[in-house]
């Protein structure tokens, strides 16, 4: 089962590039965050981990036990700037967690092996 794309890859990549260049327009940031969440969910399909970037979005990813009710047992939550930095490789997972820029709870709440994402190479 593949993840349904809502943001065209060209649009998503352009938004990420724009934010990395310093654009802080709320709409552009929202598009960049959502696109990178889609890349995560597409590249690492599953339902064992929920990644939240309020107020922009959340996805379930990583193969493993499926969660269906209540609060997921494995959750990562961070802000938009931290998510973009993690996903693009300018911030390491270890640094984000140790500096409390990302909150991770649960045994599967670790993206060390999945980050940075291959966001520039997503097919259109």
Foldseek 3Di string as FASTA:
>chain_A
DADDDDDPLVLLVVLLVVVVVPDPPPVSLLSVQVLLQNLQCGVFPDAQEWEEAPPRDIDGGHHDDHDDDDDHQWYKYAYSVVSSCFQQPVDAQVRCVVVVRMDIGHPPNGCRPCPNTPSVPDDD
